[in-house]
Amino acid sequence: MSEVADWLSDTSPISRKNAAEAVFEDIRSAITSGRLVVGTRLPAESQLAVHYGVSRPIIREALRSLQTLGLTQTRTGSGTYVLTSTPGPELHYGGYSARDLIEARPFIEVPAAGWAALRRTEQQLVRLLELCDEMDREEDPLKWVTLDSEFHSMIAESSGNAVFSKIVSDARDALMRQSELVNMMAQRRVASNVEHRRIVEAIAAASEEGAIAAMEAHLGQVKRVVTTIIGEDQPHR
């Protein structure tokens, strides 16, 4: 029996609500433990979907996060292959590295939250509160990431500073990919929802200090997960 067939024979269909996370974790564990060795070609999306008892979009979502993590590589017309058993420190989300985002976000989003507390419009506040409610209800990981992206963009827009808004907008795709991976690795959606609401509550109260502290706390938790993923206790200075 081949390594892939042997692995498939021991795993079972996924029944958890967060199916993409479960599929991601099962395949990631098989790779990092050495059960699926470097160079192994993973089964086709359709075969994995049948095996796990989930849809192909869920399989695609899990595979995308594995590739973002650097464990696999998808080759057009050939399939998805195991690239390494350990994620490297040079994790990239498109044009930005994980370290780029870790280092830059506190200097952009923290002051933006403070200014948003002083400058936001009622319409912007209403939308921020709506986004908090929508994220609380959303169980689909990819849809949640889209809402999370809009949330952070709205904070920057509410700051009234066009530079903050432009930077967050330009990095939006990278921020979404980071958010997706962080949630796959650490299941942080519920905790993030609580942190998001604290930020908005401070903004609603026009508390610049509170908004700054809440955003710092939120980004600190993201940094903790990302630095663990890339194997660094602290990003390089």
C-alpha atoms as a PDB file:
ATOM      1  CA  MET A   1       0.000   0.000   0.000  1.00  0.00           C
ATOM      2  CA  SER A   2       1.360   3.454  -0.919  1.00  0.00           C
ATOM      3  CA  GLU A   3       1.952   6.157   1.691  1.00  0.00           C
ATOM      4  CA  VAL A   4      -1.004   8.180   0.408  1.00  0.00           C
ATOM      5  CA  ALA A   5      -3.342   5.191   0.342  1.00  0.00           C
ATOM      6  CA  ASP A   6      -2.205   4.162   3.813  1.00  0.00           C
ATOM      7  CA  TRP A   7      -2.862   7.684   5.133  1.00  0.00           C
ATOM      8  CA  LEU A   8      -6.294   7.837   3.494  1.00  0.00           C
ATOM      9  CA  SER A   9      -7.254   4.464   4.967  1.00  0.00           C
ATOM     10  CA  ASP A  10      -6.664   5.742   8.508  1.00  0.00           C
ATOM     11  CA  THR A  11      -8.486   9.080   8.286  1.00  0.00           C
ATOM     12  CA  SER A  12     -12.246   9.410   8.378  1.00  0.00           C
ATOM     13  CA  PRO A  13     -14.944  11.758   7.049  1.00  0.00           C
ATOM     14  CA  ILE A  14     -15.113  15.189   8.666  1.00  0.00           C
ATOM     15  CA  SER A  15     -18.203  16.009  10.679  1.00  0.00           C
ATOM     16  CA  ARG A  16     -17.176  19.219  12.465  1.00  0.00           C
ATOM     17  CA  LYS A  17     -18.819  22.540  11.608  1.00  0.00           C
ATOM     18  CA  ASN A  18     -15.517  24.106  10.594  1.00  0.00           C
ATOM     19  CA  ALA A  19     -14.787  21.473   7.987  1.00  0.00           C
ATOM     20  CA  ALA A  20     -12.032  23.362   6.149  1.00  0.00           C
ATOM     21  CA  GLU A  21     -10.110  23.772   9.392  1.00  0.00           C
ATOM     22  CA  ALA A  22     -10.468  20.069  10.159  1.00  0.00           C
ATOM     23  CA  VAL A  23      -9.306  19.025   6.691  1.00  0.00           C
ATOM     24  CA  PHE A  24      -6.397  21.472   6.858  1.00  0.00           C
ATOM     25  CA  GLU A  25      -5.300  20.177  10.259  1.00  0.00           C
ATOM     26  CA  ASP A  26      -5.543  16.519   9.211  1.00  0.00           C
ATOM     27  CA  ILE A  27      -3.396  17.002   6.114  1.00  0.00           C
ATOM     28  CA  ARG A  28      -0.990  19.362   7.904  1.00  0.00           C
ATOM     29  CA  SER A  29      -0.501  16.813  10.678  1.00  0.00           C
ATOM     30  CA  ALA A  30       0.211  14.060   8.150  1.00  0.00           C
ATOM     31  CA  ILE A  31       2.856  16.251   6.481  1.00  0.00           C
ATOM     32  CA  THR A  32       4.578  17.549   9.632  1.00  0.00           C
ATOM     33  CA  SER A  33       4.656  14.069  11.183  1.00  0.00           C
ATOM     34  CA  GLY A  34       6.365  12.696   8.081  1.00  0.00           C
ATOM     35  CA  ARG A  35       3.520  10.408   7.130  1.00  0.00           C
ATOM     36  CA  LEU A  36       3.200  12.258   3.849  1.00  0.00           C
ATOM     37  CA  VAL A  37       6.811  12.744   2.805  1.00  0.00           C
ATOM     38  CA  VAL A  38       8.294  15.560   0.736  1.00  0.00           C
ATOM     39  CA  GLY A  39       7.551  15.006  -2.943  1.00  0.00           C
ATOM     40  CA  THR A  40       4.278  13.150  -2.356  1.00  0.00           C
ATOM     41  CA  ARG A  41       1.466  14.142  -4.699  1.00  0.00           C
ATOM     42  CA  LEU A  42      -1.794  14.593  -2.820  1.00  0.00           C
ATOM     43  CA  PRO A  43      -4.972  12.976  -4.153  1.00  0.00           C
ATOM     44  CA  ALA A  44      -7.131  15.053  -6.482  1.00  0.00           C
ATOM     45  CA  GLU A  45      -9.614  17.526  -4.986  1.00  0.00           C
ATOM     46  CA  SER A  46     -12.518  15.287  -6.003  1.00  0.00           C
ATOM     47  CA  GLN A  47     -10.980  12.267  -4.282  1.00  0.00           C
ATOM     48  CA  LEU A  48     -10.242  14.224  -1.116  1.00  0.00           C
ATOM     49  CA  ALA A  49     -13.794  15.627  -1.112  1.00  0.00           C
ATOM     50  CA  VAL A  50     -15.263  12.120  -1.253  1.00  0.00           C
ATOM     51  CA  HIS A  51     -12.845  10.863   1.385  1.00  0.00           C
ATOM     52  CA  TYR A  52     -13.590  13.622   3.892  1.00  0.00           C
ATOM     53  CA  GLY A  53     -17.276  13.843   3.019  1.00  0.00           C
ATOM     54  CA  VAL A  54     -17.110  17.562   2.234  1.00  0.00           C
ATOM     55  CA  SER A  55     -17.447  19.784  -0.835  1.00  0.00           C
ATOM     56  CA  ARG A  56     -14.614  20.566  -3.223  1.00  0.00           C
ATOM     57  CA  PRO A  57     -14.595  24.285  -2.238  1.00  0.00           C
ATOM     58  CA  ILE A  58     -13.807  23.224   1.344  1.00  0.00           C
ATOM     59  CA  ILE A  59     -10.937  21.049   0.092  1.00  0.00           C
ATOM     60  CA  ARG A  60      -9.720  23.954  -2.059  1.00  0.00           C
ATOM     61  CA  GLU A  61      -9.780  26.278   0.962  1.00  0.00           C
ATOM     62  CA  ALA A  62      -7.726  23.852   3.067  1.00  0.00           C
ATOM     63  CA  LEU A  63      -5.218  23.300   0.247  1.00  0.00           C
ATOM     64  CA  ARG A  64      -4.846  27.049  -0.264  1.00  0.00           C
ATOM     65  CA  SER A  65      -3.893  27.484   3.402  1.00  0.00           C
ATOM     66  CA  LEU A  66      -1.418  24.598   3.217  1.00  0.00           C
ATOM     67  CA  GLN A  67       0.216  26.322   0.251  1.00  0.00           C
ATOM     68  CA  THR A  68       0.238  29.704   2.041  1.00  0.00           C
ATOM     69  CA  LEU A  69       1.956  27.973   4.952  1.00  0.00           C
ATOM     70  CA  GLY A  70       4.564  26.735   2.486  1.00  0.00           C
ATOM     71  CA  LEU A  71       3.976  23.030   3.093  1.00  0.00           C
ATOM     72  CA  THR A  72       2.625  22.291  -0.375  1.00  0.00           C
ATOM     73  CA  GLN A  73       2.840  23.585  -3.929  1.00  0.00           C
ATOM     74  CA  THR A  74       0.120  23.324  -6.543  1.00  0.00           C
ATOM     75  CA  ARG A  75       1.420  22.822 -10.060  1.00  0.00           C
ATOM     76  CA  THR A  76      -0.975  23.625 -12.889  1.00  0.00           C
ATOM     77  CA  GLY A  77      -2.063  20.498 -14.687  1.00  0.00           C
ATOM     78  CA  SER A  78      -0.088  18.264 -12.346  1.00  0.00           C
ATOM     79  CA  GLY A  79      -1.536  18.483  -8.850  1.00  0.00           C
ATOM     80  CA  THR A  80      -0.554  19.436  -5.319  1.00  0.00           C
ATOM     81  CA  TYR A  81       2.754  18.195  -3.926  1.00  0.00           C
ATOM     82  CA  VAL A  82       4.269  18.159  -0.444  1.00  0.00           C
ATOM     83  CA  LEU A  83       7.078  20.733  -0.525  1.00  0.00           C
ATOM     84  CA  THR A  84       8.433  20.593   3.033  1.00  0.00           C
ATOM     85  CA  SER A  85       7.505  19.168   6.425  1.00  0.00           C
ATOM     86  CA  THR A  86       8.085  22.428   8.312  1.00  0.00           C
ATOM     87  CA  PRO A  87       6.922  25.976   7.484  1.00  0.00           C
ATOM     88  CA  GLY A  88       9.819  28.343   6.866  1.00  0.00           C
ATOM     89  CA  PRO A  89      10.443  31.766   8.401  1.00  0.00           C
ATOM     90  CA  GLU A  90       9.977  33.502   5.034  1.00  0.00           C
ATOM     91  CA  LEU A  91       6.221  33.007   4.917  1.00  0.00           C
ATOM     92  CA  HIS A  92       4.681  35.237   2.224  1.00  0.00           C
ATOM     93  CA  TYR A  93       1.152  36.366   1.379  1.00  0.00           C
ATOM     94  CA  GLY A  94       1.579  37.548  -2.176  1.00  0.00           C
ATOM     95  CA  GLY A  95       3.757  40.663  -2.184  1.00  0.00           C
ATOM     96  CA  TYR A  96       4.119  40.879   1.608  1.00  0.00           C
ATOM     97  CA  SER A  97       5.885  38.620   4.089  1.00  0.00           C
ATOM     98  CA  ALA A  98       4.459  37.600   7.440  1.00  0.00           C
ATOM     99  CA  ARG A  99       7.180  39.709   9.061  1.00  0.00           C
ATOM    100  CA  ASP A 100       6.223  42.732   6.930  1.00  0.00           C
ATOM    101  CA  LEU A 101       2.679  42.642   8.287  1.00  0.00           C
ATOM    102  CA  ILE A 102       3.696  41.947  11.884  1.00  0.00           C
ATOM    103  CA  GLU A 103       6.041  44.939  11.903  1.00  0.00           C
ATOM    104  CA  ALA A 104       3.854  47.386   9.972  1.00  0.00           C
ATOM    105  CA  ARG A 105       0.324  46.830  11.261  1.00  0.00           C
ATOM    106  CA  PRO A 106       0.829  48.329  14.762  1.00  0.00           C
ATOM    107  CA  PHE A 107       2.114  51.566  13.209  1.00  0.00           C
ATOM    108  CA  ILE A 108      -0.909  51.836  10.910  1.00  0.00           C
ATOM    109  CA  GLU A 109      -3.937  50.217  12.490  1.00  0.00           C
ATOM    110  CA  VAL A 110      -3.337  51.241  16.109  1.00  0.00           C
ATOM    111  CA  PRO A 111      -3.261  55.005  15.452  1.00  0.00           C
ATOM    112  CA  ALA A 112      -6.045  54.543  12.886  1.00  0.00           C
ATOM    113  CA  ALA A 113      -8.260  53.077  15.623  1.00  0.00           C
ATOM    114  CA  GLY A 114      -7.456  56.042  17.861  1.00  0.00           C
ATOM    115  CA  TRP A 115      -8.347  58.557  15.182  1.00  0.00           C
ATOM    116  CA  ALA A 116     -11.491  56.578  14.321  1.00  0.00           C
ATOM    117  CA  ALA A 117     -12.696  57.065  17.900  1.00  0.00           C
ATOM    118  CA  LEU A 118     -12.464  60.830  17.369  1.00  0.00           C
ATOM    119  CA  ARG A 119     -13.491  61.156  13.729  1.00  0.00           C
ATOM    120  CA  ARG A 120     -15.858  58.327  12.775  1.00  0.00           C
ATOM    121  CA  THR A 121     -19.253  59.194  11.346  1.00  0.00           C
ATOM    122  CA  GLU A 122     -22.491  57.683  12.619  1.00  0.00           C
ATOM    123  CA  GLN A 123     -22.813  55.763   9.360  1.00  0.00           C
ATOM    124  CA  GLN A 124     -19.341  54.280   9.786  1.00  0.00           C
ATOM    125  CA  LEU A 125     -20.094  53.316  13.385  1.00  0.00           C
ATOM    126  CA  VAL A 126     -23.313  51.610  12.337  1.00  0.00           C
ATOM    127  CA  ARG A 127     -21.429  49.574   9.739  1.00  0.00           C
ATOM    128  CA  LEU A 128     -18.735  48.587  12.251  1.00  0.00           C
ATOM    129  CA  LEU A 129     -21.403  47.353  14.662  1.00  0.00           C
ATOM    130  CA  GLU A 130     -23.123  45.479  11.833  1.00  0.00           C
ATOM    131  CA  LEU A 131     -19.841  43.800  10.912  1.00  0.00           C
ATOM    132  CA  CYS A 132     -19.356  42.680  14.521  1.00  0.00           C
ATOM    133  CA  ASP A 133     -22.835  41.130  14.504  1.00  0.00           C
ATOM    134  CA  GLU A 134     -22.261  39.471  11.122  1.00  0.00           C
ATOM    135  CA  MET A 135     -18.918  37.999  12.256  1.00  0.00           C
ATOM    136  CA  ASP A 136     -20.551  36.643  15.419  1.00  0.00           C
ATOM    137  CA  ARG A 137     -23.092  34.772  13.295  1.00  0.00           C
ATOM    138  CA  GLU A 138     -20.782  33.644  10.488  1.00  0.00           C
ATOM    139  CA  GLU A 139     -19.496  30.063  10.686  1.00  0.00           C
ATOM    140  CA  ASP A 140     -18.055  29.780   7.195  1.00  0.00           C
ATOM    141  CA  PRO A 141     -14.289  30.490   7.570  1.00  0.00           C
ATOM    142  CA  LEU A 142     -13.824  32.138   4.184  1.00  0.00           C
ATOM    143  CA  LYS A 143     -16.893  34.384   4.511  1.00  0.00           C
ATOM    144  CA  TRP A 144     -15.703  35.376   7.986  1.00  0.00           C
ATOM    145  CA  VAL A 145     -12.296  36.363   6.585  1.00  0.00           C
ATOM    146  CA  THR A 146     -14.028  38.631   4.057  1.00  0.00           C
ATOM    147  CA  LEU A 147     -15.969  40.324   6.870  1.00  0.00           C
ATOM    148  CA  ASP A 148     -12.770  40.634   8.923  1.00  0.00           C
ATOM    149  CA  SER A 149     -11.082  42.333   5.983  1.00  0.00           C
ATOM    150  CA  GLU A 150     -13.940  44.807   5.624  1.00  0.00           C
ATOM    151  CA  PHE A 151     -13.801  45.484   9.372  1.00  0.00           C
ATOM    152  CA  HIS A 152     -10.134  46.468   9.351  1.00  0.00           C
ATOM    153  CA  SER A 153     -10.601  48.510   6.174  1.00  0.00           C
ATOM    154  CA  MET A 154     -13.541  50.339   7.768  1.00  0.00           C
ATOM    155  CA  ILE A 155     -11.465  51.185  10.846  1.00  0.00           C
ATOM    156  CA  ALA A 156      -8.810  52.725   8.586  1.00  0.00           C
ATOM    157  CA  GLU A 157     -11.460  54.604   6.593  1.00  0.00           C
ATOM    158  CA  SER A 158     -13.084  55.839   9.798  1.00  0.00           C
ATOM    159  CA  SER A 159      -9.755  57.327  10.895  1.00  0.00           C
ATOM    160  CA  GLY A 160     -10.252  60.055   8.319  1.00  0.00           C
ATOM    161  CA  ASN A 161      -6.644  59.591   7.241  1.00  0.00           C
ATOM    162  CA  ALA A 162      -6.313  58.786   3.540  1.00  0.00           C
ATOM    163  CA  VAL A 163      -2.796  57.361   3.964  1.00  0.00           C
ATOM    164  CA  PHE A 164      -3.910  54.788   6.567  1.00  0.00           C
ATOM    165  CA  SER A 165      -6.900  53.877   4.420  1.00  0.00           C
ATOM    166  CA  LYS A 166      -4.782  53.465   1.268  1.00  0.00           C
ATOM    167  CA  ILE A 167      -2.156  51.299   2.968  1.00  0.00           C
ATOM    168  CA  VAL A 168      -4.731  48.937   4.467  1.00  0.00           C
ATOM    169  CA  SER A 169      -6.533  48.775   1.126  1.00  0.00           C
ATOM    170  CA  ASP A 170      -3.330  47.947  -0.755  1.00  0.00           C
ATOM    171  CA  ALA A 171      -2.474  45.174   1.725  1.00  0.00           C
ATOM    172  CA  ARG A 172      -6.022  43.810   1.877  1.00  0.00           C
ATOM    173  CA  ASP A 173      -5.358  40.586  -0.021  1.00  0.00           C
ATOM    174  CA  ALA A 174      -2.322  39.793   2.120  1.00  0.00           C
ATOM    175  CA  LEU A 175      -4.238  40.591   5.292  1.00  0.00           C
ATOM    176  CA  MET A 176      -7.037  38.231   4.206  1.00  0.00           C
ATOM    177  CA  ARG A 177      -4.591  35.411   3.529  1.00  0.00           C
ATOM    178  CA  GLN A 178      -2.937  35.976   6.894  1.00  0.00           C
ATOM    179  CA  SER A 179      -6.314  36.006   8.646  1.00  0.00           C
ATOM    180  CA  GLU A 180      -7.356  32.795   6.899  1.00  0.00           C
ATOM    181  CA  LEU A 181      -4.137  31.029   7.898  1.00  0.00           C
ATOM    182  CA  VAL A 182      -4.234  32.284  11.502  1.00  0.00           C
ATOM    183  CA  ASN A 183      -7.779  30.971  11.857  1.00  0.00           C
ATOM    184  CA  MET A 184      -6.855  27.633  10.292  1.00  0.00           C
ATOM    185  CA  MET A 185      -3.895  27.238  12.650  1.00  0.00           C
ATOM    186  CA  ALA A 186      -5.329  28.661  15.863  1.00  0.00           C
ATOM    187  CA  GLN A 187      -9.140  28.756  15.445  1.00  0.00           C
ATOM    188  CA  ARG A 188      -9.195  32.394  16.556  1.00  0.00           C
ATOM    189  CA  ARG A 189     -12.522  33.496  15.096  1.00  0.00           C
ATOM    190  CA  VAL A 190     -14.439  33.586  18.386  1.00  0.00           C
ATOM    191  CA  ALA A 191     -11.623  35.375  20.242  1.00  0.00           C
ATOM    192  CA  SER A 192     -11.222  37.821  17.346  1.00  0.00           C
ATOM    193  CA  ASN A 193     -14.947  38.591  17.462  1.00  0.00           C
ATOM    194  CA  VAL A 194     -14.620  39.584  21.122  1.00  0.00           C
ATOM    195  CA  GLU A 195     -11.532  41.704  20.391  1.00  0.00           C
ATOM    196  CA  HIS A 196     -13.226  43.387  17.420  1.00  0.00           C
ATOM    197  CA  ARG A 197     -16.229  44.341  19.504  1.00  0.00           C
ATOM    198  CA  ARG A 198     -14.009  45.883  22.196  1.00  0.00           C
ATOM    199  CA  ILE A 199     -12.397  48.047  19.525  1.00  0.00           C
ATOM    200  CA  VAL A 200     -15.781  49.210  18.251  1.00  0.00           C
ATOM    201  CA  GLU A 201     -17.125  49.835  21.744  1.00  0.00           C
ATOM    202  CA  ALA A 202     -14.176  52.174  22.386  1.00  0.00           C
ATOM    203  CA  ILE A 203     -14.751  53.900  19.049  1.00  0.00           C
ATOM    204  CA  ALA A 204     -18.447  54.293  19.858  1.00  0.00           C
ATOM    205  CA  ALA A 205     -17.504  55.854  23.199  1.00  0.00           C
ATOM    206  CA  ALA A 206     -15.114  58.263  21.443  1.00  0.00           C
ATOM    207  CA  SER A 207     -12.309  56.850  23.607  1.00  0.00           C
ATOM    208  CA  GLU A 208      -9.073  57.338  21.695  1.00  0.00           C
ATOM    209  CA  GLU A 209      -7.069  55.662  24.460  1.00  0.00           C
ATOM    210  CA  GLY A 210      -9.474  52.728  24.661  1.00  0.00           C
ATOM    211  CA  ALA A 211      -9.509  52.170  20.905  1.00  0.00           C
ATOM    212  CA  ILE A 212      -5.705  52.257  20.767  1.00  0.00           C
ATOM    213  CA  ALA A 213      -5.416  49.761  23.633  1.00  0.00           C
ATOM    214  CA  ALA A 214      -8.034  47.428  22.137  1.00  0.00           C
ATOM    215  CA  MET A 215      -6.390  47.399  18.708  1.00  0.00           C
ATOM    216  CA  GLU A 216      -2.958  46.857  20.284  1.00  0.00           C
ATOM    217  CA  ALA A 217      -4.319  43.870  22.196  1.00  0.00           C
ATOM    218  CA  HIS A 218      -5.934  42.408  19.070  1.00  0.00           C
ATOM    219  CA  LEU A 219      -2.845  42.764  16.897  1.00  0.00           C
ATOM    220  CA  GLY A 220      -0.729  41.390  19.746  1.00  0.00           C
ATOM    221  CA  GLN A 221      -2.725  38.155  19.669  1.00  0.00           C
ATOM    222  CA  VAL A 222      -2.349  37.902  15.893  1.00  0.00           C
ATOM    223  CA  LYS A 223       1.402  38.467  16.245  1.00  0.00           C
ATOM    224  CA  ARG A 224       1.626  35.712  18.864  1.00  0.00           C
ATOM    225  CA  VAL A 225       0.073  33.169  16.506  1.00  0.00           C
ATOM    226  CA  VAL A 226       2.024  34.257  13.423  1.00  0.00           C
ATOM    227  CA  THR A 227       5.398  34.247  15.179  1.00  0.00           C
ATOM    228  CA  THR A 228       4.634  30.728  16.398  1.00  0.00           C
ATOM    229  CA  ILE A 229       3.776  29.638  12.852  1.00  0.00           C
ATOM    230  CA  ILE A 230       7.015  30.976  11.381  1.00  0.00           C
ATOM    231  CA  GLY A 231       9.082  29.672  14.279  1.00  0.00           C
ATOM    232  CA  GLU A 232      10.212  33.001  15.722  1.00  0.00           C
ATOM    233  CA  ASP A 233       9.608  34.244  19.249  1.00  0.00           C
ATOM    234  CA  GLN A 234      10.242  37.797  18.034  1.00  0.00           C
ATOM    235  CA  PRO A 235      10.411  39.219  14.508  1.00  0.00           C
ATOM    236  CA  HIS A 236      13.828  40.521  13.436  1.00  0.00           C
ATOM    237  CA  ARG A 237      14.492  44.236  13.867  1.00  0.00           C
END
